[in-house]
């Protein structure tokens, strides 16, 4: 059965056949589909995605599908954000339970941990690119605007 969590994937409606094939074996894998508010962009919600569909998201990225994803915490991992620009890779960032980007703070210096800050900046840049592909200047994968 595995470790299951909430997952929200935002993708182009035109990529639905690839999304369904990779995530659902040809069937709609989502419990709910929502209108994103941007023409041709949909949001698929799964309430019990096995391990946050991490392997499936990698396959989706490798298939050239641009997407934004938010996963809730499981018992073995925390909340997370991911975005793929269709280049075969996923850029990840830590998230809080509301889907906002987080970075750890070094308790000795009070400064953000450099790796976390770099990851957050890379995520924001990739998310902006996907937002442009989707017809907007970026839209948070996890946080509601």
C-alpha atoms as a PDB file:
ATOM      1  CA  UNK A   1       0.000   0.000   0.000  1.00  0.00           C
ATOM      2  CA  UNK A   2       2.750   2.490   0.824  1.00  0.00           C
ATOM      3  CA  UNK A   3       2.793   5.963   2.315  1.00  0.00           C
ATOM      4  CA  UNK A   4      -0.058   7.994   0.847  1.00  0.00           C
ATOM      5  CA  UNK A   5      -0.595  11.743   0.780  1.00  0.00           C
ATOM      6  CA  UNK A   6      -2.527  14.580  -0.854  1.00  0.00           C
ATOM      7  CA  UNK A   7      -1.156  15.702  -4.237  1.00  0.00           C
ATOM      8  CA  UNK A   8      -2.195  18.614  -6.466  1.00  0.00           C
ATOM      9  CA  UNK A   9      -0.862  18.689 -10.041  1.00  0.00           C
ATOM     10  CA  UNK A  10      -1.364  21.661 -12.381  1.00  0.00           C
ATOM     11  CA  UNK A  11      -0.883  20.941 -16.075  1.00  0.00           C
ATOM     12  CA  UNK A  12      -2.046  21.909 -19.558  1.00  0.00           C
ATOM     13  CA  UNK A  13      -5.329  20.385 -20.597  1.00  0.00           C
ATOM     14  CA  UNK A  14      -3.684  19.358 -23.870  1.00  0.00           C
ATOM     15  CA  UNK A  15      -1.319  17.110 -21.858  1.00  0.00           C
ATOM     16  CA  UNK A  16      -4.207  15.184 -20.263  1.00  0.00           C
ATOM     17  CA  UNK A  17      -3.636  12.005 -22.331  1.00  0.00           C
ATOM     18  CA  UNK A  18       0.037  11.820 -21.255  1.00  0.00           C
ATOM     19  CA  UNK A  19      -0.851  12.647 -17.642  1.00  0.00           C
ATOM     20  CA  UNK A  20      -3.558   9.968 -17.564  1.00  0.00           C
ATOM     21  CA  UNK A  21      -1.257   7.386 -19.157  1.00  0.00           C
ATOM     22  CA  UNK A  22       1.663   8.011 -16.787  1.00  0.00           C
ATOM     23  CA  UNK A  23      -0.253   8.610 -13.560  1.00  0.00           C
ATOM     24  CA  UNK A  24      -3.289   6.417 -14.141  1.00  0.00           C
ATOM     25  CA  UNK A  25      -2.378   3.738 -16.654  1.00  0.00           C
ATOM     26  CA  UNK A  26      -4.635   5.403 -19.235  1.00  0.00           C
ATOM     27  CA  UNK A  27      -7.420   6.303 -16.809  1.00  0.00           C
ATOM     28  CA  UNK A  28      -8.036   9.579 -14.974  1.00  0.00           C
ATOM     29  CA  UNK A  29      -5.903   9.178 -11.807  1.00  0.00           C
ATOM     30  CA  UNK A  30      -7.427  12.113  -9.921  1.00  0.00           C
ATOM     31  CA  UNK A  31     -10.181  12.240  -7.321  1.00  0.00           C
ATOM     32  CA  UNK A  32     -11.074  15.763  -8.446  1.00  0.00           C
ATOM     33  CA  UNK A  33     -10.335  17.999 -11.419  1.00  0.00           C
ATOM     34  CA  UNK A  34     -10.599  21.775 -11.050  1.00  0.00           C
ATOM     35  CA  UNK A  35     -10.475  24.710 -13.404  1.00  0.00           C
ATOM     36  CA  UNK A  36      -7.270  26.638 -12.782  1.00  0.00           C
ATOM     37  CA  UNK A  37      -8.759  29.927 -13.988  1.00  0.00           C
ATOM     38  CA  UNK A  38      -6.354  30.079 -16.916  1.00  0.00           C
ATOM     39  CA  UNK A  39      -7.648  28.834 -20.262  1.00  0.00           C
ATOM     40  CA  UNK A  40      -6.405  25.341 -21.064  1.00  0.00           C
ATOM     41  CA  UNK A  41      -4.929  24.686 -17.606  1.00  0.00           C
ATOM     42  CA  UNK A  42      -6.350  22.148 -15.161  1.00  0.00           C
ATOM     43  CA  UNK A  43      -5.627  21.064 -11.605  1.00  0.00           C
ATOM     44  CA  UNK A  44      -5.827  17.406 -10.683  1.00  0.00           C
ATOM     45  CA  UNK A  45      -6.194  16.464  -7.022  1.00  0.00           C
ATOM     46  CA  UNK A  46      -5.470  13.035  -5.568  1.00  0.00           C
ATOM     47  CA  UNK A  47      -6.219  12.446  -1.909  1.00  0.00           C
ATOM     48  CA  UNK A  48      -4.103   9.300  -1.518  1.00  0.00           C
ATOM     49  CA  UNK A  49      -1.154   9.363  -3.917  1.00  0.00           C
ATOM     50  CA  UNK A  50       1.358   6.647  -3.092  1.00  0.00           C
ATOM     51  CA  UNK A  51       4.583   8.299  -1.889  1.00  0.00           C
ATOM     52  CA  UNK A  52       3.379  11.584  -3.373  1.00  0.00           C
ATOM     53  CA  UNK A  53       3.701  10.046  -6.844  1.00  0.00           C
ATOM     54  CA  UNK A  54       7.378  10.995  -6.774  1.00  0.00           C
ATOM     55  CA  UNK A  55       8.379   8.325  -9.297  1.00  0.00           C
ATOM     56  CA  UNK A  56       5.400   9.125 -11.501  1.00  0.00           C
ATOM     57  CA  UNK A  57       6.248  12.845 -11.435  1.00  0.00           C
ATOM     58  CA  UNK A  58       9.756  12.009 -12.670  1.00  0.00           C
ATOM     59  CA  UNK A  59       8.239  10.002 -15.540  1.00  0.00           C
ATOM     60  CA  UNK A  60       5.910  12.900 -16.339  1.00  0.00           C
ATOM     61  CA  UNK A  61       8.862  15.308 -16.438  1.00  0.00           C
ATOM     62  CA  UNK A  62      10.850  12.937 -18.649  1.00  0.00           C
ATOM     63  CA  UNK A  63       7.853  12.754 -21.009  1.00  0.00           C
ATOM     64  CA  UNK A  64       8.236  16.507 -21.554  1.00  0.00           C
ATOM     65  CA  UNK A  65       5.097  17.576 -19.691  1.00  0.00           C
ATOM     66  CA  UNK A  66       5.372  20.942 -17.936  1.00  0.00           C
ATOM     67  CA  UNK A  67       3.624  20.917 -14.561  1.00  0.00           C
ATOM     68  CA  UNK A  68       3.496  22.277 -11.044  1.00  0.00           C
ATOM     69  CA  UNK A  69       2.967  19.902  -8.128  1.00  0.00           C
ATOM     70  CA  UNK A  70       2.363  20.196  -4.396  1.00  0.00           C
ATOM     71  CA  UNK A  71       2.442  17.162  -2.121  1.00  0.00           C
ATOM     72  CA  UNK A  72       1.278  17.070   1.457  1.00  0.00           C
ATOM     73  CA  UNK A  73       3.273  15.307   4.131  1.00  0.00           C
ATOM     74  CA  UNK A  74       3.368  11.554   4.437  1.00  0.00           C
ATOM     75  CA  UNK A  75       4.644   9.646   7.429  1.00  0.00           C
ATOM     76  CA  UNK A  76       8.128   9.436   5.845  1.00  0.00           C
ATOM     77  CA  UNK A  77       8.458  12.898   4.235  1.00  0.00           C
ATOM     78  CA  UNK A  78       7.264  16.459   4.581  1.00  0.00           C
ATOM     79  CA  UNK A  79       5.278  18.769   2.338  1.00  0.00           C
ATOM     80  CA  UNK A  80       6.974  19.654  -0.927  1.00  0.00           C
ATOM     81  CA  UNK A  81       6.729  21.604  -4.147  1.00  0.00           C
ATOM     82  CA  UNK A  82       7.958  20.629  -7.572  1.00  0.00           C
ATOM     83  CA  UNK A  83       7.889  22.134 -11.026  1.00  0.00           C
ATOM     84  CA  UNK A  84       8.954  20.871 -14.420  1.00  0.00           C
ATOM     85  CA  UNK A  85       9.356  23.139 -17.417  1.00  0.00           C
ATOM     86  CA  UNK A  86       9.066  20.208 -19.807  1.00  0.00           C
ATOM     87  CA  UNK A  87      12.849  19.764 -19.945  1.00  0.00           C
ATOM     88  CA  UNK A  88      12.821  16.334 -18.305  1.00  0.00           C
ATOM     89  CA  UNK A  89      13.763  17.589 -14.827  1.00  0.00           C
ATOM     90  CA  UNK A  90      11.927  18.565 -11.660  1.00  0.00           C
ATOM     91  CA  UNK A  91      13.004  21.540  -9.553  1.00  0.00           C
ATOM     92  CA  UNK A  92      11.989  21.039  -5.925  1.00  0.00           C
ATOM     93  CA  UNK A  93      11.566  23.244  -2.878  1.00  0.00           C
ATOM     94  CA  UNK A  94      10.466  22.639   0.680  1.00  0.00           C
ATOM     95  CA  UNK A  95       6.956  23.739   1.563  1.00  0.00           C
ATOM     96  CA  UNK A  96       4.796  24.327   4.592  1.00  0.00           C
ATOM     97  CA  UNK A  97       1.360  22.736   4.961  1.00  0.00           C
ATOM     98  CA  UNK A  98      -0.190  25.623   3.010  1.00  0.00           C
ATOM     99  CA  UNK A  99       2.122  25.124   0.038  1.00  0.00           C
ATOM    100  CA  UNK A 100       4.342  28.144   0.650  1.00  0.00           C
ATOM    101  CA  UNK A 101       8.078  27.782   0.011  1.00  0.00           C
ATOM    102  CA  UNK A 102      10.167  27.353   3.142  1.00  0.00           C
ATOM    103  CA  UNK A 103      13.877  27.520   3.870  1.00  0.00           C
ATOM    104  CA  UNK A 104      15.605  26.404   7.042  1.00  0.00           C
ATOM    105  CA  UNK A 105      17.287  29.059   9.175  1.00  0.00           C
ATOM    106  CA  UNK A 106      20.763  28.476  10.592  1.00  0.00           C
ATOM    107  CA  UNK A 107      20.276  28.873  14.373  1.00  0.00           C
ATOM    108  CA  UNK A 108      23.857  30.093  14.815  1.00  0.00           C
ATOM    109  CA  UNK A 109      23.698  32.904  12.250  1.00  0.00           C
ATOM    110  CA  UNK A 110      19.975  33.522  11.838  1.00  0.00           C
ATOM    111  CA  UNK A 111      20.489  33.355   8.064  1.00  0.00           C
ATOM    112  CA  UNK A 112      18.716  31.045   5.619  1.00  0.00           C
ATOM    113  CA  UNK A 113      20.587  27.812   4.874  1.00  0.00           C
ATOM    114  CA  UNK A 114      22.281  28.543   1.512  1.00  0.00           C
ATOM    115  CA  UNK A 115      21.196  25.273  -0.142  1.00  0.00           C
ATOM    116  CA  UNK A 116      17.568  25.904   0.824  1.00  0.00           C
ATOM    117  CA  UNK A 117      17.717  29.488  -0.413  1.00  0.00           C
ATOM    118  CA  UNK A 118      19.270  28.344  -3.704  1.00  0.00           C
ATOM    119  CA  UNK A 119      16.562  25.665  -4.096  1.00  0.00           C
ATOM    120  CA  UNK A 120      13.823  28.224  -3.423  1.00  0.00           C
ATOM    121  CA  UNK A 121      15.242  30.641  -6.005  1.00  0.00           C
ATOM    122  CA  UNK A 122      15.596  27.876  -8.614  1.00  0.00           C
ATOM    123  CA  UNK A 123      12.029  26.777  -7.933  1.00  0.00           C
ATOM    124  CA  UNK A 124      10.674  30.315  -8.312  1.00  0.00           C
ATOM    125  CA  UNK A 125      12.514  30.775 -11.630  1.00  0.00           C
ATOM    126  CA  UNK A 126      11.239  27.447 -12.998  1.00  0.00           C
ATOM    127  CA  UNK A 127       7.711  28.130 -11.753  1.00  0.00           C
ATOM    128  CA  UNK A 128       7.733  31.495 -13.514  1.00  0.00           C
ATOM    129  CA  UNK A 129       8.746  29.789 -16.761  1.00  0.00           C
ATOM    130  CA  UNK A 130       5.934  27.237 -16.408  1.00  0.00           C
ATOM    131  CA  UNK A 131       3.511  30.044 -15.589  1.00  0.00           C
ATOM    132  CA  UNK A 132       4.496  31.721 -18.844  1.00  0.00           C
ATOM    133  CA  UNK A 133       3.942  28.429 -20.702  1.00  0.00           C
ATOM    134  CA  UNK A 134       0.526  28.236 -19.053  1.00  0.00           C
ATOM    135  CA  UNK A 135      -0.311  31.824 -20.020  1.00  0.00           C
ATOM    136  CA  UNK A 136       0.372  33.663 -16.775  1.00  0.00           C
ATOM    137  CA  UNK A 137       3.406  35.098 -15.017  1.00  0.00           C
ATOM    138  CA  UNK A 138       3.623  32.215 -12.556  1.00  0.00           C
ATOM    139  CA  UNK A 139       1.081  30.751 -10.195  1.00  0.00           C
ATOM    140  CA  UNK A 140       1.989  29.060  -6.939  1.00  0.00           C
ATOM    141  CA  UNK A 141       1.742  25.272  -7.151  1.00  0.00           C
ATOM    142  CA  UNK A 142       0.749  24.951  -3.529  1.00  0.00           C
ATOM    143  CA  UNK A 143      -0.374  28.287  -2.175  1.00  0.00           C
ATOM    144  CA  UNK A 144      -3.649  29.777  -3.213  1.00  0.00           C
ATOM    145  CA  UNK A 145      -3.404  33.258  -4.576  1.00  0.00           C
END
